[in-house]
């Protein structure tokens, strides 16, 4: 796969993540594109698509992406902000991309 085609694939993955995966903040759904986290997440998850996709690998990445709150006074791992429904949606997106 050429660099431009992998860049395009990462952009498509980022768009799918940004449009469908959200954080739950005080019962508000903050989509990852609005939080500007979709590209960061896609960049880190894309290499996993070439191998056998494992949920624990995805969770490890989610735990290692800090989300700053309160102007940076507090950092919480992205994994702690995604409800189970959003995590399942993320896994569905990744499985769809790995099969295409």
N, C-alpha and C. Protein backbone atom coordinates (compact mmCIF):
# COMPACT_ATOMS: atom_id res chain seq x y z
N UNK A 1 0.85 -1.18 0.00
CA UNK A 1 0.00 0.00 0.00
C UNK A 1 0.89 1.23 0.00
N UNK A 2 0.61 2.19 -0.87
CA UNK A 2 1.42 3.40 -0.94
C UNK A 2 1.06 4.33 0.20
N UNK A 3 1.98 5.27 0.44
CA UNK A 3 1.75 6.22 1.53
C UNK A 3 0.48 7.02 1.33
N UNK A 4 0.22 7.46 0.08
CA UNK A 4 -0.98 8.26 -0.17
C UNK A 4 -2.25 7.45 0.03
N UNK A 5 -2.23 6.17 -0.35
CA UNK A 5 -3.43 5.37 -0.14
C UNK A 5 -3.62 5.05 1.33
N UNK A 6 -2.53 4.87 2.08
CA UNK A 6 -2.69 4.64 3.52
C UNK A 6 -3.14 5.92 4.20
N UNK A 7 -2.67 7.07 3.73
CA UNK A 7 -3.12 8.35 4.29
C UNK A 7 -4.61 8.52 4.04
N UNK A 8 -5.04 8.17 2.84
CA UNK A 8 -6.46 8.26 2.50
C UNK A 8 -7.28 7.30 3.36
N UNK A 9 -6.77 6.10 3.58
CA UNK A 9 -7.47 5.11 4.41
C UNK A 9 -7.57 5.60 5.86
N UNK A 10 -6.51 6.21 6.36
CA UNK A 10 -6.54 6.75 7.73
C UNK A 10 -7.56 7.88 7.82
N UNK A 11 -7.61 8.73 6.80
CA UNK A 11 -8.59 9.81 6.78
C UNK A 11 -10.02 9.27 6.77
N UNK A 12 -10.26 8.20 5.99
CA UNK A 12 -11.59 7.59 5.96
C UNK A 12 -11.93 6.97 7.31
N UNK A 13 -10.95 6.31 7.93
CA UNK A 13 -11.17 5.73 9.25
C UNK A 13 -11.45 6.84 10.26
N UNK A 14 -10.68 7.92 10.21
CA UNK A 14 -10.89 9.04 11.12
C UNK A 14 -12.29 9.62 10.96
N UNK A 15 -12.74 9.75 9.71
CA UNK A 15 -14.09 10.29 9.46
C UNK A 15 -15.16 9.38 10.05
N UNK A 16 -15.01 8.08 9.86
CA UNK A 16 -15.99 7.13 10.40
C UNK A 16 -16.00 7.17 11.93
N UNK A 17 -14.82 7.23 12.52
CA UNK A 17 -14.74 7.32 13.99
C UNK A 17 -15.35 8.63 14.46
N UNK A 18 -14.98 9.73 13.82
CA UNK A 18 -15.46 11.04 14.24
C UNK A 18 -16.96 11.20 14.16
N UNK A 19 -17.57 10.54 13.19
CA UNK A 19 -19.02 10.66 12.99
C UNK A 19 -19.84 9.71 13.86
N UNK A 20 -19.21 8.66 14.39
CA UNK A 20 -19.98 7.62 15.06
C UNK A 20 -19.60 7.33 16.50
N UNK A 21 -18.43 7.74 16.93
CA UNK A 21 -17.96 7.42 18.28
C UNK A 21 -17.98 8.69 19.11
N UNK A 22 -18.51 8.58 20.31
CA UNK A 22 -18.67 9.76 21.16
C UNK A 22 -18.21 9.49 22.58
N UNK A 23 -17.91 10.59 23.25
CA UNK A 23 -17.65 10.56 24.70
C UNK A 23 -18.95 10.97 25.38
N UNK A 24 -19.16 10.45 26.54
CA UNK A 24 -20.33 10.84 27.33
C UNK A 24 -19.84 11.77 28.43
N UNK A 25 -20.21 13.05 28.33
CA UNK A 25 -19.82 14.05 29.32
C UNK A 25 -21.11 14.66 29.88
N UNK A 26 -21.40 14.35 31.13
CA UNK A 26 -22.61 14.86 31.79
C UNK A 26 -23.86 14.57 30.94
N UNK A 27 -23.93 13.35 30.41
CA UNK A 27 -25.03 12.87 29.58
C UNK A 27 -25.13 13.57 28.23
N UNK A 28 -24.07 14.28 27.85
CA UNK A 28 -23.98 14.88 26.52
C UNK A 28 -23.11 13.98 25.68
N UNK A 29 -23.48 13.78 24.44
CA UNK A 29 -22.66 13.00 23.52
C UNK A 29 -21.76 13.97 22.76
N UNK A 30 -20.47 13.90 23.07
CA UNK A 30 -19.48 14.72 22.40
C UNK A 30 -18.75 13.82 21.42
N UNK A 31 -19.06 13.99 20.13
CA UNK A 31 -18.46 13.14 19.11
C UNK A 31 -16.97 13.46 18.98
N UNK A 32 -16.19 12.43 18.68
CA UNK A 32 -14.75 12.58 18.67
C UNK A 32 -14.26 13.58 17.63
N UNK A 33 -15.01 13.78 16.54
CA UNK A 33 -14.60 14.81 15.57
C UNK A 33 -14.71 16.19 16.21
N UNK A 34 -15.74 16.40 17.02
CA UNK A 34 -15.93 17.70 17.68
C UNK A 34 -14.88 17.94 18.76
N UNK A 35 -14.37 16.87 19.33
CA UNK A 35 -13.33 16.97 20.36
C UNK A 35 -11.93 16.93 19.72
N UNK A 36 -11.88 16.82 18.40
CA UNK A 36 -10.62 16.76 17.65
C UNK A 36 -9.74 15.60 18.09
N UNK A 37 -10.36 14.47 18.36
CA UNK A 37 -9.64 13.26 18.77
C UNK A 37 -9.72 12.15 17.73
N UNK A 38 -10.56 12.30 16.72
CA UNK A 38 -10.77 11.24 15.75
C UNK A 38 -9.52 10.93 14.93
N UNK A 39 -8.75 11.94 14.55
CA UNK A 39 -7.54 11.71 13.75
C UNK A 39 -6.45 11.05 14.58
N UNK A 40 -6.28 11.53 15.81
CA UNK A 40 -5.29 10.92 16.71
C UNK A 40 -5.60 9.45 16.91
N UNK A 41 -6.86 9.15 17.14
CA UNK A 41 -7.27 7.77 17.37
C UNK A 41 -7.07 6.92 16.11
N UNK A 42 -7.46 7.45 14.97
CA UNK A 42 -7.31 6.71 13.71
C UNK A 42 -5.85 6.43 13.40
N UNK A 43 -4.98 7.42 13.65
CA UNK A 43 -3.54 7.23 13.42
C UNK A 43 -2.99 6.07 14.23
N UNK A 44 -3.46 5.94 15.46
CA UNK A 44 -2.95 4.89 16.34
C UNK A 44 -3.60 3.54 16.08
N UNK A 45 -4.85 3.54 15.64
CA UNK A 45 -5.57 2.28 15.43
C UNK A 45 -5.31 1.67 14.05
N UNK A 46 -5.02 2.49 13.07
CA UNK A 46 -4.86 2.00 11.70
C UNK A 46 -3.86 0.84 11.58
N UNK A 47 -2.69 0.92 12.22
CA UNK A 47 -1.74 -0.20 12.10
C UNK A 47 -2.29 -1.53 12.62
N UNK A 48 -3.26 -1.50 13.52
CA UNK A 48 -3.83 -2.74 14.05
C UNK A 48 -4.68 -3.47 13.01
N UNK A 49 -5.14 -2.75 12.01
CA UNK A 49 -6.04 -3.34 11.03
C UNK A 49 -5.35 -4.37 10.14
N UNK A 50 -4.03 -4.28 10.04
CA UNK A 50 -3.29 -5.23 9.21
C UNK A 50 -3.16 -6.59 9.89
N UNK A 51 -3.24 -6.61 11.21
CA UNK A 51 -3.12 -7.85 11.97
C UNK A 51 -4.49 -8.32 12.41
N UNK A 52 -4.50 -9.36 13.21
CA UNK A 52 -5.73 -9.85 13.82
C UNK A 52 -6.16 -8.86 14.89
N UNK A 53 -7.24 -8.15 14.66
CA UNK A 53 -7.71 -7.10 15.55
C UNK A 53 -8.13 -7.68 16.90
N UNK A 54 -7.54 -7.15 17.97
CA UNK A 54 -7.84 -7.60 19.33
C UNK A 54 -8.41 -6.43 20.13
N UNK A 55 -9.52 -6.67 20.82
CA UNK A 55 -10.16 -5.62 21.60
C UNK A 55 -9.25 -5.07 22.68
N UNK A 56 -8.43 -5.92 23.32
CA UNK A 56 -7.55 -5.43 24.38
C UNK A 56 -6.49 -4.48 23.83
N UNK A 57 -6.07 -4.64 22.57
CA UNK A 57 -5.14 -3.70 21.95
C UNK A 57 -5.81 -2.33 21.77
N UNK A 58 -7.05 -2.36 21.36
CA UNK A 58 -7.81 -1.13 21.17
C UNK A 58 -7.99 -0.43 22.51
N UNK A 59 -8.36 -1.18 23.54
CA UNK A 59 -8.54 -0.59 24.86
C UNK A 59 -7.23 -0.01 25.40
N UNK A 60 -6.12 -0.66 25.11
CA UNK A 60 -4.82 -0.14 25.54
C UNK A 60 -4.57 1.23 24.91
N UNK A 61 -4.87 1.35 23.64
CA UNK A 61 -4.70 2.64 22.96
C UNK A 61 -5.64 3.68 23.56
N UNK A 62 -6.89 3.31 23.79
CA UNK A 62 -7.85 4.25 24.38
C UNK A 62 -7.41 4.72 25.77
N UNK A 63 -6.79 3.83 26.52
CA UNK A 63 -6.31 4.19 27.87
C UNK A 63 -5.12 5.13 27.81
N UNK A 64 -4.40 5.14 26.68
CA UNK A 64 -3.20 5.95 26.57
C UNK A 64 -3.39 7.25 25.80
N UNK A 65 -4.64 7.60 25.53
CA UNK A 65 -4.92 8.90 24.92
C UNK A 65 -5.55 9.78 26.00
N UNK A 66 -4.78 10.77 26.48
CA UNK A 66 -5.32 11.63 27.54
C UNK A 66 -6.27 12.69 26.97
N UNK A 67 -7.33 12.94 27.69
CA UNK A 67 -8.28 13.99 27.33
C UNK A 67 -8.21 15.03 28.44
N UNK A 68 -7.85 16.26 28.05
CA UNK A 68 -7.71 17.33 29.04
C UNK A 68 -9.07 17.97 29.30
N UNK A 69 -9.37 18.15 30.57
CA UNK A 69 -10.62 18.79 30.99
C UNK A 69 -10.30 19.98 31.88
N UNK A 70 -11.22 20.91 31.92
CA UNK A 70 -11.04 22.06 32.80
C UNK A 70 -9.82 22.89 32.45
N UNK A 71 -9.59 23.09 31.16
CA UNK A 71 -8.44 23.88 30.74
C UNK A 71 -7.12 23.21 31.04
N UNK A 72 -7.14 21.90 31.13
CA UNK A 72 -5.91 21.15 31.36
C UNK A 72 -5.64 20.83 32.82
N UNK A 73 -6.56 21.23 33.70
CA UNK A 73 -6.37 20.94 35.14
C UNK A 73 -6.49 19.46 35.44
N UNK A 74 -7.19 18.74 34.58
CA UNK A 74 -7.43 17.32 34.80
C UNK A 74 -7.27 16.58 33.48
N UNK A 75 -6.65 15.42 33.52
CA UNK A 75 -6.54 14.55 32.35
C UNK A 75 -7.18 13.21 32.66
N UNK A 76 -8.03 12.77 31.74
CA UNK A 76 -8.72 11.49 31.91
C UNK A 76 -8.45 10.67 30.65
N UNK A 77 -8.17 9.38 30.81
CA UNK A 77 -7.98 8.54 29.61
C UNK A 77 -9.27 8.49 28.79
N UNK A 78 -9.11 8.51 27.48
CA UNK A 78 -10.27 8.45 26.58
C UNK A 78 -11.13 7.23 26.89
N UNK A 79 -10.51 6.13 27.27
CA UNK A 79 -11.27 4.90 27.58
C UNK A 79 -12.30 5.14 28.67
N UNK A 80 -12.00 6.02 29.61
CA UNK A 80 -12.92 6.28 30.72
C UNK A 80 -14.09 7.17 30.31
N UNK A 81 -14.00 7.81 29.17
CA UNK A 81 -15.06 8.71 28.73
C UNK A 81 -15.99 8.10 27.69
N UNK A 82 -15.59 6.95 27.14
CA UNK A 82 -16.43 6.29 26.13
C UNK A 82 -17.36 5.30 26.80
N UNK A 83 -18.67 5.48 26.65
CA UNK A 83 -19.58 4.47 27.18
C UNK A 83 -19.45 3.17 26.38
N UNK A 84 -19.94 2.10 26.93
CA UNK A 84 -19.82 0.79 26.29
C UNK A 84 -20.40 0.80 24.87
N UNK A 85 -21.49 1.49 24.66
CA UNK A 85 -22.10 1.59 23.32
C UNK A 85 -21.12 2.20 22.32
N UNK A 86 -20.42 3.23 22.72
CA UNK A 86 -19.45 3.88 21.83
C UNK A 86 -18.25 2.98 21.58
N UNK A 87 -17.82 2.24 22.59
CA UNK A 87 -16.71 1.30 22.41
C UNK A 87 -17.11 0.19 21.43
N UNK A 88 -18.34 -0.29 21.55
CA UNK A 88 -18.81 -1.31 20.62
C UNK A 88 -18.89 -0.76 19.20
N UNK A 89 -19.34 0.48 19.06
CA UNK A 89 -19.41 1.12 17.74
C UNK A 89 -18.01 1.25 17.16
N UNK A 90 -17.03 1.61 17.98
CA UNK A 90 -15.65 1.71 17.52
C UNK A 90 -15.14 0.36 17.02
N UNK A 91 -15.40 -0.69 17.78
CA UNK A 91 -14.96 -2.03 17.36
C UNK A 91 -15.64 -2.43 16.05
N UNK A 92 -16.92 -2.11 15.89
CA UNK A 92 -17.63 -2.42 14.64
C UNK A 92 -16.98 -1.70 13.46
N UNK A 93 -16.63 -0.43 13.66
CA UNK A 93 -15.98 0.34 12.59
C UNK A 93 -14.64 -0.28 12.24
N UNK A 94 -13.86 -0.63 13.25
CA UNK A 94 -12.54 -1.22 13.00
C UNK A 94 -12.65 -2.57 12.29
N UNK A 95 -13.63 -3.37 12.68
CA UNK A 95 -13.82 -4.66 12.02
C UNK A 95 -14.24 -4.47 10.56
N UNK A 96 -15.09 -3.49 10.32
CA UNK A 96 -15.52 -3.19 8.96
C UNK A 96 -14.33 -2.75 8.11
N UNK A 97 -13.48 -1.89 8.65
CA UNK A 97 -12.31 -1.42 7.91
C UNK A 97 -11.29 -2.52 7.71
N UNK A 98 -11.15 -3.41 8.69
CA UNK A 98 -10.15 -4.48 8.53
C UNK A 98 -10.59 -5.52 7.51
N UNK A 99 -11.90 -5.62 7.27
CA UNK A 99 -12.42 -6.58 6.30
C UNK A 99 -12.50 -6.03 4.89
N UNK A 100 -12.26 -4.73 4.75
CA UNK A 100 -12.38 -4.13 3.41
C UNK A 100 -11.04 -3.98 2.73
